[in-house]
């Protein structure tokens, strides 16, 4: 394995940040399916503990996603619709 180049990790951090900021700017223009996928990937990569904080952050930035204090996901299905979808998904596992 090659040693990690410090400059390369700085560039990676800059590119990751730029892409993340771009996604935040256009979040409400993305299809709901894409929003859900991005949201789930973020939670998977950073841990379940960020789920609520991330949902509130996205709701605060984009009114289309609904009331940030009541929702736990970044979409407009509503909590009950999401919980039903999760239950159905678990039943298939």
PDB file of N, CA and C in Angstrom:
ATOM      1  N   UNK A   1       0.850  -1.178   0.000  1.00  0.00           N
ATOM      2  CA  UNK A   1       0.000   0.000   0.000  1.00  0.00           C
ATOM      3  C   UNK A   1       0.895   1.240   0.000  1.00  0.00           C
ATOM      4  N   UNK A   2       0.529   2.222  -0.796  1.00  0.00           N
ATOM      5  CA  UNK A   2       1.311   3.450  -0.876  1.00  0.00           C
ATOM      6  C   UNK A   2       1.009   4.353   0.322  1.00  0.00           C
ATOM      7  N   UNK A   3       2.034   5.093   0.784  1.00  0.00           N
ATOM      8  CA  UNK A   3       1.780   6.023   1.895  1.00  0.00           C
ATOM      9  C   UNK A   3       0.813   7.124   1.460  1.00  0.00           C
ATOM     10  N   UNK A   4       0.066   7.629   2.425  1.00  0.00           N
ATOM     11  CA  UNK A   4      -0.915   8.681   2.150  1.00  0.00           C
ATOM     12  C   UNK A   4      -0.198  10.016   2.005  1.00  0.00           C
ATOM     13  N   UNK A   5      -0.450  10.675   0.928  1.00  0.00           N
ATOM     14  CA  UNK A   5       0.119  11.995   0.670  1.00  0.00           C
ATOM     15  C   UNK A   5      -0.738  13.031   1.393  1.00  0.00           C
ATOM     16  N   UNK A   6      -0.155  13.803   2.335  1.00  0.00           N
ATOM     17  CA  UNK A   6      -0.947  14.797   3.068  1.00  0.00           C
ATOM     18  C   UNK A   6      -1.663  15.783   2.150  1.00  0.00           C
ATOM     19  N   UNK A   7      -1.017  16.182   1.056  1.00  0.00           N
ATOM     20  CA  UNK A   7      -1.649  17.116   0.119  1.00  0.00           C
ATOM     21  C   UNK A   7      -2.873  16.476  -0.519  1.00  0.00           C
ATOM     22  N   UNK A   8      -2.783  15.186  -0.801  1.00  0.00           N
ATOM     23  CA  UNK A   8      -3.905  14.479  -1.403  1.00  0.00           C
ATOM     24  C   UNK A   8      -5.091  14.419  -0.455  1.00  0.00           C
ATOM     25  N   UNK A   9      -4.866  14.238   0.849  1.00  0.00           N
ATOM     26  CA  UNK A   9      -5.985  14.202   1.789  1.00  0.00           C
ATOM     27  C   UNK A   9      -6.622  15.583   1.937  1.00  0.00           C
ATOM     28  N   UNK A  10      -5.835  16.641   1.832  1.00  0.00           N
ATOM     29  CA  UNK A  10      -6.378  18.003   1.875  1.00  0.00           C
ATOM     30  C   UNK A  10      -7.243  18.244   0.640  1.00  0.00           C
ATOM     31  N   UNK A  11      -6.764  17.821  -0.504  1.00  0.00           N
ATOM     32  CA  UNK A  11      -7.533  17.986  -1.749  1.00  0.00           C
ATOM     33  C   UNK A  11      -8.823  17.174  -1.673  1.00  0.00           C
ATOM     34  N   UNK A  12      -8.731  15.956  -1.179  1.00  0.00           N
ATOM     35  CA  UNK A  12      -9.929  15.123  -1.023  1.00  0.00           C
ATOM     36  C   UNK A  12     -10.941  15.798  -0.115  1.00  0.00           C
ATOM     37  N   UNK A  13     -10.470  16.368   0.988  1.00  0.00           N
ATOM     38  CA  UNK A  13     -11.361  17.080   1.916  1.00  0.00           C
ATOM     39  C   UNK A  13     -12.025  18.271   1.231  1.00  0.00           C
ATOM     40  N   UNK A  14     -11.273  19.027   0.451  1.00  0.00           N
ATOM     41  CA  UNK A  14     -11.813  20.189  -0.260  1.00  0.00           C
ATOM     42  C   UNK A  14     -12.863  19.764  -1.278  1.00  0.00           C
ATOM     43  N   UNK A  15     -12.581  18.699  -2.018  1.00  0.00           N
ATOM     44  CA  UNK A  15     -13.526  18.221  -3.029  1.00  0.00           C
ATOM     45  C   UNK A  15     -14.795  17.669  -2.386  1.00  0.00           C
ATOM     46  N   UNK A  16     -14.612  16.946  -1.294  1.00  0.00           N
ATOM     47  CA  UNK A  16     -15.767  16.407  -0.575  1.00  0.00           C
ATOM     48  C   UNK A  16     -16.644  17.529  -0.044  1.00  0.00           C
ATOM     49  N   UNK A  17     -16.025  18.533   0.520  1.00  0.00           N
ATOM     50  CA  UNK A  17     -16.771  19.683   1.045  1.00  0.00           C
ATOM     51  C   UNK A  17     -17.498  20.423  -0.076  1.00  0.00           C
ATOM     52  N   UNK A  18     -16.817  20.625  -1.211  1.00  0.00           N
ATOM     53  CA  UNK A  18     -17.433  21.326  -2.342  1.00  0.00           C
ATOM     54  C   UNK A  18     -18.656  20.562  -2.854  1.00  0.00           C
ATOM     55  N   UNK A  19     -18.527  19.253  -2.962  1.00  0.00           N
ATOM     56  CA  UNK A  19     -19.650  18.443  -3.428  1.00  0.00           C
ATOM     57  C   UNK A  19     -20.796  18.479  -2.426  1.00  0.00           C
ATOM     58  N   UNK A  20     -20.477  18.374  -1.146  1.00  0.00           N
ATOM     59  CA  UNK A  20     -21.514  18.436  -0.109  1.00  0.00           C
ATOM     60  C   UNK A  20     -22.248  19.763  -0.111  1.00  0.00           C
ATOM     61  N   UNK A  21     -21.510  20.855  -0.254  1.00  0.00           N
ATOM     62  CA  UNK A  21     -22.141  22.180  -0.286  1.00  0.00           C
ATOM     63  C   UNK A  21     -23.026  22.337  -1.526  1.00  0.00           C
ATOM     64  N   UNK A  22     -22.591  21.767  -2.646  1.00  0.00           N
ATOM     65  CA  UNK A  22     -23.407  21.829  -3.862  1.00  0.00           C
ATOM     66  C   UNK A  22     -24.717  21.059  -3.668  1.00  0.00           C
ATOM     67  N   UNK A  23     -24.639  19.897  -3.043  1.00  0.00           N
ATOM     68  CA  UNK A  23     -25.847  19.101  -2.788  1.00  0.00           C
ATOM     69  C   UNK A  23     -26.801  19.868  -1.882  1.00  0.00           C
ATOM     70  N   UNK A  24     -26.266  20.506  -0.858  1.00  0.00           N
ATOM     71  CA  UNK A  24     -27.117  21.285   0.055  1.00  0.00           C
ATOM     72  C   UNK A  24     -27.827  22.411  -0.696  1.00  0.00           C
ATOM     73  N   UNK A  25     -27.106  23.086  -1.586  1.00  0.00           N
ATOM     74  CA  UNK A  25     -27.715  24.203  -2.330  1.00  0.00           C
ATOM     75  C   UNK A  25     -28.870  23.759  -3.212  1.00  0.00           C
ATOM     76  N   UNK A  26     -28.777  22.570  -3.801  1.00  0.00           N
ATOM     77  CA  UNK A  26     -29.813  22.133  -4.744  1.00  0.00           C
ATOM     78  C   UNK A  26     -30.735  21.063  -4.158  1.00  0.00           C
ATOM     79  N   UNK A  27     -30.637  20.818  -2.869  1.00  0.00           N
ATOM     80  CA  UNK A  27     -31.383  19.728  -2.226  1.00  0.00           C
ATOM     81  C   UNK A  27     -32.857  19.710  -2.619  1.00  0.00           C
ATOM     82  N   UNK A  28     -33.532  20.839  -2.536  1.00  0.00           N
ATOM     83  CA  UNK A  28     -34.974  20.849  -2.797  1.00  0.00           C
ATOM     84  C   UNK A  28     -35.307  20.616  -4.269  1.00  0.00           C
ATOM     85  N   UNK A  29     -34.318  20.717  -5.150  1.00  0.00           N
ATOM     86  CA  UNK A  29     -34.537  20.441  -6.576  1.00  0.00           C
ATOM     87  C   UNK A  29     -34.299  18.979  -6.933  1.00  0.00           C
ATOM     88  N   UNK A  30     -33.733  18.225  -6.011  1.00  0.00           N
ATOM     89  CA  UNK A  30     -33.445  16.820  -6.279  1.00  0.00           C
ATOM     90  C   UNK A  30     -34.713  15.988  -6.128  1.00  0.00           C
ATOM     91  N   UNK A  31     -34.839  14.934  -6.938  1.00  0.00           N
ATOM     92  CA  UNK A  31     -35.988  14.033  -6.763  1.00  0.00           C
ATOM     93  C   UNK A  31     -35.970  13.415  -5.368  1.00  0.00           C
ATOM     94  N   UNK A  32     -37.134  13.152  -4.846  1.00  0.00           N
ATOM     95  CA  UNK A  32     -37.259  12.609  -3.496  1.00  0.00           C
ATOM     96  C   UNK A  32     -36.453  11.327  -3.332  1.00  0.00           C
ATOM     97  N   UNK A  33     -36.443  10.480  -4.338  1.00  0.00           N
ATOM     98  CA  UNK A  33     -35.684   9.233  -4.272  1.00  0.00           C
ATOM     99  C   UNK A  33     -34.185   9.505  -4.094  1.00  0.00           C
ATOM    100  N   UNK A  34     -33.678  10.512  -4.781  1.00  0.00           N
ATOM    101  CA  UNK A  34     -32.264  10.879  -4.666  1.00  0.00           C
ATOM    102  C   UNK A  34     -32.002  11.462  -3.275  1.00  0.00           C
ATOM    103  N   UNK A  35     -32.907  12.307  -2.793  1.00  0.00           N
ATOM    104  CA  UNK A  35     -32.765  12.856  -1.443  1.00  0.00           C
ATOM    105  C   UNK A  35     -32.677  11.728  -0.411  1.00  0.00           C
ATOM    106  N   UNK A  36     -33.589  10.772  -0.520  1.00  0.00           N
ATOM    107  CA  UNK A  36     -33.606   9.659   0.432  1.00  0.00           C
ATOM    108  C   UNK A  36     -32.311   8.857   0.369  1.00  0.00           C
ATOM    109  N   UNK A  37     -31.842   8.610  -0.844  1.00  0.00           N
ATOM    110  CA  UNK A  37     -30.614   7.832  -1.009  1.00  0.00           C
ATOM    111  C   UNK A  37     -29.419   8.574  -0.402  1.00  0.00           C
ATOM    112  N   UNK A  38     -29.292   9.854  -0.699  1.00  0.00           N
ATOM    113  CA  UNK A  38     -28.197  10.651  -0.138  1.00  0.00           C
ATOM    114  C   UNK A  38     -28.280  10.700   1.383  1.00  0.00           C
ATOM    115  N   UNK A  39     -29.476  10.897   1.900  1.00  0.00           N
ATOM    116  CA  UNK A  39     -29.682  10.958   3.346  1.00  0.00           C
ATOM    117  C   UNK A  39     -29.238   9.649   4.004  1.00  0.00           C
ATOM    118  N   UNK A  40     -29.700   8.533   3.447  1.00  0.00           N
ATOM    119  CA  UNK A  40     -29.349   7.234   4.020  1.00  0.00           C
ATOM    120  C   UNK A  40     -27.848   6.965   3.935  1.00  0.00           C
ATOM    121  N   UNK A  41     -27.225   7.360   2.829  1.00  0.00           N
ATOM    122  CA  UNK A  41     -25.778   7.182   2.698  1.00  0.00           C
ATOM    123  C   UNK A  41     -25.022   8.016   3.731  1.00  0.00           C
ATOM    124  N   UNK A  42     -25.490   9.232   3.979  1.00  0.00           N
ATOM    125  CA  UNK A  42     -24.846  10.078   4.987  1.00  0.00           C
ATOM    126  C   UNK A  42     -24.960   9.451   6.373  1.00  0.00           C
ATOM    127  N   UNK A  43     -26.140   8.944   6.693  1.00  0.00           N
ATOM    128  CA  UNK A  43     -26.348   8.298   7.995  1.00  0.00           C
ATOM    129  C   UNK A  43     -25.492   7.042   8.096  1.00  0.00           C
ATOM    130  N   UNK A  44     -25.426   6.273   7.026  1.00  0.00           N
ATOM    131  CA  UNK A  44     -24.613   5.060   7.030  1.00  0.00           C
ATOM    132  C   UNK A  44     -23.138   5.388   7.233  1.00  0.00           C
ATOM    133  N   UNK A  45     -22.670   6.429   6.563  1.00  0.00           N
ATOM    134  CA  UNK A  45     -21.240   6.747   6.649  1.00  0.00           C
ATOM    135  C   UNK A  45     -20.850   7.403   7.973  1.00  0.00           C
ATOM    136  N   UNK A  46     -21.774   8.151   8.579  1.00  0.00           N
ATOM    137  CA  UNK A  46     -21.439   8.882   9.806  1.00  0.00           C
ATOM    138  C   UNK A  46     -22.046   8.293  11.065  1.00  0.00           C
ATOM    139  N   UNK A  47     -22.975   7.396  10.916  1.00  0.00           N
ATOM    140  CA  UNK A  47     -23.579   6.757  12.083  1.00  0.00           C
ATOM    141  C   UNK A  47     -24.997   7.239  12.340  1.00  0.00           C
ATOM    142  N   UNK A  48     -25.769   6.354  12.896  1.00  0.00           N
ATOM    143  CA  UNK A  48     -27.193   6.598  13.162  1.00  0.00           C
ATOM    144  C   UNK A  48     -27.427   7.826  14.038  1.00  0.00           C
ATOM    145  N   UNK A  49     -26.443   8.180  14.842  1.00  0.00           N
ATOM    146  CA  UNK A  49     -26.614   9.297  15.773  1.00  0.00           C
ATOM    147  C   UNK A  49     -26.807  10.644  15.071  1.00  0.00           C
ATOM    148  N   UNK A  50     -26.454  10.753  13.786  1.00  0.00           N
ATOM    149  CA  UNK A  50     -26.633  12.034  13.086  1.00  0.00           C
ATOM    150  C   UNK A  50     -27.982  12.153  12.396  1.00  0.00           C
ATOM    151  N   UNK A  51     -28.784  11.095  12.388  1.00  0.00           N
ATOM    152  CA  UNK A  51     -30.045  11.077  11.633  1.00  0.00           C
ATOM    153  C   UNK A  51     -30.927  12.282  11.950  1.00  0.00           C
ATOM    154  N   UNK A  52     -31.257  12.503  13.204  1.00  0.00           N
ATOM    155  CA  UNK A  52     -32.165  13.594  13.576  1.00  0.00           C
ATOM    156  C   UNK A  52     -31.544  14.957  13.297  1.00  0.00           C
ATOM    157  N   UNK A  53     -30.283  15.109  13.652  1.00  0.00           N
ATOM    158  CA  UNK A  53     -29.597  16.380  13.426  1.00  0.00           C
ATOM    159  C   UNK A  53     -29.531  16.709  11.940  1.00  0.00           C
ATOM    160  N   UNK A  54     -29.252  15.721  11.105  1.00  0.00           N
ATOM    161  CA  UNK A  54     -29.188  15.935   9.662  1.00  0.00           C
ATOM    162  C   UNK A  54     -30.563  16.288   9.105  1.00  0.00           C
ATOM    163  N   UNK A  55     -31.600  15.610   9.573  1.00  0.00           N
ATOM    164  CA  UNK A  55     -32.957  15.901   9.113  1.00  0.00           C
ATOM    165  C   UNK A  55     -33.352  17.332   9.449  1.00  0.00           C
ATOM    166  N   UNK A  56     -33.076  17.768  10.671  1.00  0.00           N
ATOM    167  CA  UNK A  56     -33.406  19.134  11.080  1.00  0.00           C
ATOM    168  C   UNK A  56     -32.611  20.133  10.241  1.00  0.00           C
ATOM    169  N   UNK A  57     -31.337  19.860  10.031  1.00  0.00           N
ATOM    170  CA  UNK A  57     -30.493  20.739   9.210  1.00  0.00           C
ATOM    171  C   UNK A  57     -31.090  20.901   7.811  1.00  0.00           C
ATOM    172  N   UNK A  58     -31.456  19.808   7.181  1.00  0.00           N
ATOM    173  CA  UNK A  58     -32.010  19.874   5.823  1.00  0.00           C
ATOM    174  C   UNK A  58     -33.361  20.579   5.805  1.00  0.00           C
ATOM    175  N   UNK A  59     -34.193  20.321   6.791  1.00  0.00           N
ATOM    176  CA  UNK A  59     -35.497  20.980   6.862  1.00  0.00           C
ATOM    177  C   UNK A  59     -35.342  22.482   7.088  1.00  0.00           C
ATOM    178  N   UNK A  60     -34.357  22.873   7.887  1.00  0.00           N
ATOM    179  CA  UNK A  60     -34.111  24.300   8.117  1.00  0.00           C
ATOM    180  C   UNK A  60     -33.645  24.990   6.845  1.00  0.00           C
ATOM    181  N   UNK A  61     -32.891  24.285   6.020  1.00  0.00           N
ATOM    182  CA  UNK A  61     -32.358  24.858   4.778  1.00  0.00           C
ATOM    183  C   UNK A  61     -33.390  24.892   3.659  1.00  0.00           C
ATOM    184  N   UNK A  62     -34.318  23.944   3.659  1.00  0.00           N
ATOM    185  CA  UNK A  62     -35.241  23.787   2.535  1.00  0.00           C
ATOM    186  C   UNK A  62     -36.661  23.560   3.030  1.00  0.00           C
ATOM    187  N   UNK A  63     -37.500  24.548   2.842  1.00  0.00           N
ATOM    188  CA  UNK A  63     -38.868  24.481   3.357  1.00  0.00           C
ATOM    189  C   UNK A  63     -39.685  23.373   2.709  1.00  0.00           C
ATOM    190  N   UNK A  64     -39.351  22.950   1.493  1.00  0.00           N
ATOM    191  CA  UNK A  64     -40.115  21.909   0.807  1.00  0.00           C
ATOM    192  C   UNK A  64     -40.134  20.605   1.588  1.00  0.00           C
ATOM    193  N   UNK A  65     -39.171  20.422   2.441  1.00  0.00           N
ATOM    194  CA  UNK A  65     -39.072  19.161   3.154  1.00  0.00           C
ATOM    195  C   UNK A  65     -39.953  19.108   4.400  1.00  0.00           C
ATOM    196  N   UNK A  66     -40.646  20.180   4.727  1.00  0.00           N
ATOM    197  CA  UNK A  66     -41.635  20.118   5.796  1.00  0.00           C
ATOM    198  C   UNK A  66     -41.179  20.742   7.099  1.00  0.00           C
ATOM    199  N   UNK A  67     -41.870  20.380   8.165  1.00  0.00           N
ATOM    200  CA  UNK A  67     -41.604  20.927   9.492  1.00  0.00           C
ATOM    201  C   UNK A  67     -40.412  20.207  10.125  1.00  0.00           C
ATOM    202  N   UNK A  68     -39.304  20.905  10.369  1.00  0.00           N
ATOM    203  CA  UNK A  68     -38.105  20.246  10.876  1.00  0.00           C
ATOM    204  C   UNK A  68     -38.245  19.700  12.281  1.00  0.00           C
ATOM    205  N   UNK A  69     -39.136  20.218  13.056  1.00  0.00           N
ATOM    206  CA  UNK A  69     -39.262  19.752  14.437  1.00  0.00           C
ATOM    207  C   UNK A  69     -40.084  18.468  14.535  1.00  0.00           C
ATOM    208  N   UNK A  70     -40.832  18.131  13.501  1.00  0.00           N
ATOM    209  CA  UNK A  70     -41.656  16.936  13.552  1.00  0.00           C
ATOM    210  C   UNK A  70     -41.097  15.800  12.711  1.00  0.00           C
ATOM    211  N   UNK A  71     -40.318  16.102  11.712  1.00  0.00           N
ATOM    212  CA  UNK A  71     -39.847  15.075  10.790  1.00  0.00           C
ATOM    213  C   UNK A  71     -38.536  14.465  11.259  1.00  0.00           C
ATOM    214  N   UNK A  72     -38.305  13.234  10.822  1.00  0.00           N
ATOM    215  CA  UNK A  72     -37.035  12.574  11.115  1.00  0.00           C
ATOM    216  C   UNK A  72     -36.320  12.179   9.833  1.00  0.00           C
ATOM    217  N   UNK A  73     -36.887  12.502   8.699  1.00  0.00           N
ATOM    218  CA  UNK A  73     -36.308  12.170   7.405  1.00  0.00           C
ATOM    219  C   UNK A  73     -36.416  13.387   6.492  1.00  0.00           C
ATOM    220  N   UNK A  74     -35.619  13.425   5.417  1.00  0.00           N
ATOM    221  CA  UNK A  74     -35.581  14.606   4.571  1.00  0.00           C
ATOM    222  C   UNK A  74     -36.633  14.647   3.485  1.00  0.00           C
ATOM    223  N   UNK A  75     -37.665  13.854   3.564  1.00  0.00           N
ATOM    224  CA  UNK A  75     -38.625  13.833   2.467  1.00  0.00           C
ATOM    225  C   UNK A  75     -39.980  14.357   2.913  1.00  0.00           C
ATOM    226  N   UNK A  76     -40.916  14.337   1.997  1.00  0.00           N
ATOM    227  CA  UNK A  76     -42.235  14.876   2.303  1.00  0.00           C
ATOM    228  C   UNK A  76     -43.262  13.770   2.545  1.00  0.00           C
ATOM    229  N   UNK A  77     -42.821  12.543   2.747  1.00  0.00           N
ATOM    230  CA  UNK A  77     -43.751  11.453   3.024  1.00  0.00           C
ATOM    231  C   UNK A  77     -44.394  11.596   4.393  1.00  0.00           C
ATOM    232  N   UNK A  78     -43.699  12.245   5.293  1.00  0.00           N
ATOM    233  CA  UNK A  78     -44.171  12.315   6.662  1.00  0.00           C
ATOM    234  C   UNK A  78     -43.637  11.139   7.448  1.00  0.00           C
ATOM    235  N   UNK A  79     -43.578  11.295   8.727  1.00  0.00           N
ATOM    236  CA  UNK A  79     -42.986  10.286   9.587  1.00  0.00           C
ATOM    237  C   UNK A  79     -43.752   8.980   9.510  1.00  0.00           C
ATOM    238  N   UNK A  80     -45.078   9.023   9.490  1.00  0.00           N
ATOM    239  CA  UNK A  80     -45.839   7.776   9.481  1.00  0.00           C
ATOM    240  C   UNK A  80     -45.602   6.991   8.199  1.00  0.00           C
ATOM    241  N   UNK A  81     -45.493   7.682   7.068  1.00  0.00           N
ATOM    242  CA  UNK A  81     -45.212   7.006   5.802  1.00  0.00           C
ATOM    243  C   UNK A  81     -43.837   6.373   5.805  1.00  0.00           C
ATOM    244  N   UNK A  82     -42.881   7.055   6.386  1.00  0.00           N
ATOM    245  CA  UNK A  82     -41.517   6.530   6.454  1.00  0.00           C
ATOM    246  C   UNK A  82     -41.463   5.338   7.397  1.00  0.00           C
ATOM    247  N   UNK A  83     -42.125   5.457   8.544  1.00  0.00           N
ATOM    248  CA  UNK A  83     -42.130   4.348   9.490  1.00  0.00           C
ATOM    249  C   UNK A  83     -42.800   3.117   8.894  1.00  0.00           C
ATOM    250  N   UNK A  84     -43.858   3.309   8.119  1.00  0.00           N
ATOM    251  CA  UNK A  84     -44.517   2.194   7.455  1.00  0.00           C
ATOM    252  C   UNK A  84     -43.586   1.552   6.432  1.00  0.00           C
ATOM    253  N   UNK A  85     -42.850   2.394   5.698  1.00  0.00           N
ATOM    254  CA  UNK A  85     -41.905   1.868   4.712  1.00  0.00           C
ATOM    255  C   UNK A  85     -40.787   1.090   5.404  1.00  0.00           C
ATOM    256  N   UNK A  86     -40.305   1.592   6.528  1.00  0.00           N
ATOM    257  CA  UNK A  86     -39.265   0.873   7.270  1.00  0.00           C
ATOM    258  C   UNK A  86     -39.780  -0.467   7.768  1.00  0.00           C
ATOM    259  N   UNK A  87     -40.992  -0.467   8.302  1.00  0.00           N
ATOM    260  CA  UNK A  87     -41.568  -1.713   8.805  1.00  0.00           C
ATOM    261  C   UNK A  87     -41.704  -2.742   7.685  1.00  0.00           C
ATOM    262  N   UNK A  88     -42.146  -2.281   6.515  1.00  0.00           N
ATOM    263  CA  UNK A  88     -42.282  -3.175   5.372  1.00  0.00           C
ATOM    264  C   UNK A  88     -40.926  -3.706   4.940  1.00  0.00           C
ATOM    265  N   UNK A  89     -39.921  -2.838   4.968  1.00  0.00           N
ATOM    266  CA  UNK A  89     -38.570  -3.247   4.599  1.00  0.00           C
ATOM    267  C   UNK A  89     -38.030  -4.293   5.569  1.00  0.00           C
ATOM    268  N   UNK A  90     -38.251  -4.083   6.849  1.00  0.00           N
ATOM    269  CA  UNK A  90     -37.783  -5.046   7.854  1.00  0.00           C
ATOM    270  C   UNK A  90     -38.489  -6.386   7.706  1.00  0.00           C
ATOM    271  N   UNK A  91     -39.762  -6.356   7.328  1.00  0.00           N
ATOM    272  CA  UNK A  91     -40.516  -7.596   7.164  1.00  0.00           C
ATOM    273  C   UNK A  91     -39.952  -8.440   6.030  1.00  0.00           C
ATOM    274  N   UNK A  92     -39.330  -7.778   5.061  1.00  0.00           N
ATOM    275  CA  UNK A  92     -38.743  -8.491   3.919  1.00  0.00           C
ATOM    276  C   UNK A  92     -37.394  -9.076   4.252  1.00  0.00           C
ATOM    277  N   UNK A  93     -36.757  -8.587   5.318  1.00  0.00           N
ATOM    278  CA  UNK A  93     -35.391  -9.053   5.679  1.00  0.00           C
ATOM    279  C   UNK A  93     -35.398 -10.448   6.266  1.00  0.00           C
TER     280      UNK A  93
END
